[in-house]
Protein backbone atom coordinates (compact mmCIF):
# COMPACT_ATOMS: atom_id res chain seq x y z
CA MET A 1 -1.05 -5.33 -10.46
CA LYS A 2 -0.64 -4.97 -14.20
CA GLU A 3 2.94 -4.44 -15.35
CA ASP A 4 1.97 -1.33 -17.34
CA SER A 5 -0.05 0.28 -14.55
CA ARG A 6 0.31 3.98 -13.84
CA LYS A 7 1.50 3.13 -10.30
CA LYS A 8 4.33 0.99 -11.69
CA ARG A 9 5.31 3.68 -14.22
CA ILE A 10 5.40 6.35 -11.50
CA GLU A 11 7.55 4.13 -9.26
CA THR A 12 9.96 3.43 -12.11
CA ILE A 13 10.25 7.12 -13.07
CA LEU A 14 10.92 8.21 -9.49
CA LYS A 15 13.38 5.41 -8.71
CA THR A 16 15.30 6.07 -11.93
CA ASN A 17 15.53 9.83 -11.44
CA PHE A 18 16.01 10.08 -7.66
CA SER A 19 17.19 6.74 -6.16
CA PRO A 20 15.10 7.47 -3.04
CA THR A 21 15.81 5.88 0.32
CA VAL A 22 12.04 5.67 0.89
CA LEU A 23 9.37 5.46 -1.81
CA LEU A 24 5.68 4.79 -1.35
CA VAL A 25 3.28 5.25 -4.26
CA ARG A 26 -0.36 4.64 -3.32
CA ASP A 27 -3.36 4.70 -5.65
CA ASP A 28 -6.05 6.77 -3.87
CA SER A 29 -8.42 6.89 -6.86
CA LYS A 30 -11.24 5.05 -5.07
CA LYS A 31 -11.44 7.88 -2.51
CA HIS A 32 -12.25 10.30 -5.34
CA GLU A 33 -14.78 8.35 -7.38
CA GLY A 34 -17.71 10.47 -8.45
CA HIS A 35 -15.89 13.81 -8.38
CA SER A 36 -17.17 16.04 -11.15
CA GLN A 37 -13.68 16.64 -12.58
CA VAL A 38 -13.02 12.91 -13.08
CA SER A 39 -14.76 10.99 -15.84
CA LYS A 40 -16.81 8.01 -14.69
CA ASN A 41 -14.99 4.67 -14.76
CA ARG A 42 -11.55 6.32 -14.97
CA LYS A 43 -8.89 4.39 -13.11
CA GLU A 44 -5.59 5.45 -11.57
CA THR A 45 -6.42 9.16 -11.37
CA HIS A 46 -5.27 10.12 -7.85
CA PHE A 47 -2.02 9.12 -6.16
CA PHE A 48 -0.21 9.72 -2.89
CA ILE A 49 3.59 9.73 -3.05
CA ARG A 50 5.93 9.65 -0.06
CA MET A 51 9.56 9.94 -1.04
CA VAL A 52 12.71 10.58 0.99
CA LEU A 53 16.01 11.44 -0.65
CA ASN A 54 19.54 11.43 0.69
CA ASN A 55 20.22 14.77 -0.99
CA SER A 56 20.16 18.06 0.86
CA ALA A 57 21.08 20.02 -2.27
CA ILE A 58 17.53 20.09 -3.65
CA THR A 59 14.91 22.32 -2.05
CA LYS A 60 11.42 21.08 -1.31
CA VAL A 61 9.92 23.43 -3.91
CA ASN A 62 12.34 22.28 -6.60
CA LEU A 63 11.74 18.65 -5.65
CA HIS A 64 7.98 19.13 -6.12
CA ARG A 65 8.56 20.89 -9.44
CA ARG A 66 10.83 18.09 -10.64
CA VAL A 67 8.30 15.38 -9.73
CA TYR A 68 5.50 17.20 -11.55
CA SER A 69 7.75 17.72 -14.56
CA LEU A 70 8.77 14.07 -14.69
CA LEU A 71 5.14 12.96 -14.44
CA ASP A 72 3.84 15.41 -17.05
CA ASN A 73 3.05 12.62 -19.51
CA GLU A 74 0.95 10.86 -16.85
CA PHE A 75 -1.13 14.02 -16.42
CA THR A 76 -1.75 14.21 -20.17
CA THR A 77 -2.93 10.58 -20.14
CA GLY A 78 -5.40 10.70 -17.25
CA LEU A 79 -3.62 11.40 -13.96
CA HIS A 80 -5.72 14.02 -12.21
CA ALA A 81 -4.02 14.72 -8.86
CA LEU A 82 -1.02 14.00 -6.68
CA GLU A 83 -0.63 14.33 -2.94
CA LEU A 84 3.07 14.67 -2.26
CA ASP A 85 5.03 14.08 0.94
CA LEU A 86 8.60 14.71 -0.25
CA LYS A 87 11.69 15.15 1.89
CA SER A 88 15.41 15.46 1.31
CA SER A 89 17.90 15.08 4.11
């Protein structure tokens, strides 16, 4: 994996901002090749994120909002979609 890959950047952003107890970032772009909304030959466009936090103070909705906000720059540079499985305990 390249050091400057989108997957690595996402992992770094989430670890830095949340210190999750569980973090899985998976590139699912291959499953979406050929979709009309995604330019041909685009890489790292679709990701699945599973993250568990040891923080009951944040609601699921606010957690989703925060993740999307933190990854805003990734969306402006080619990220097309996220599938999120986020939990706080």
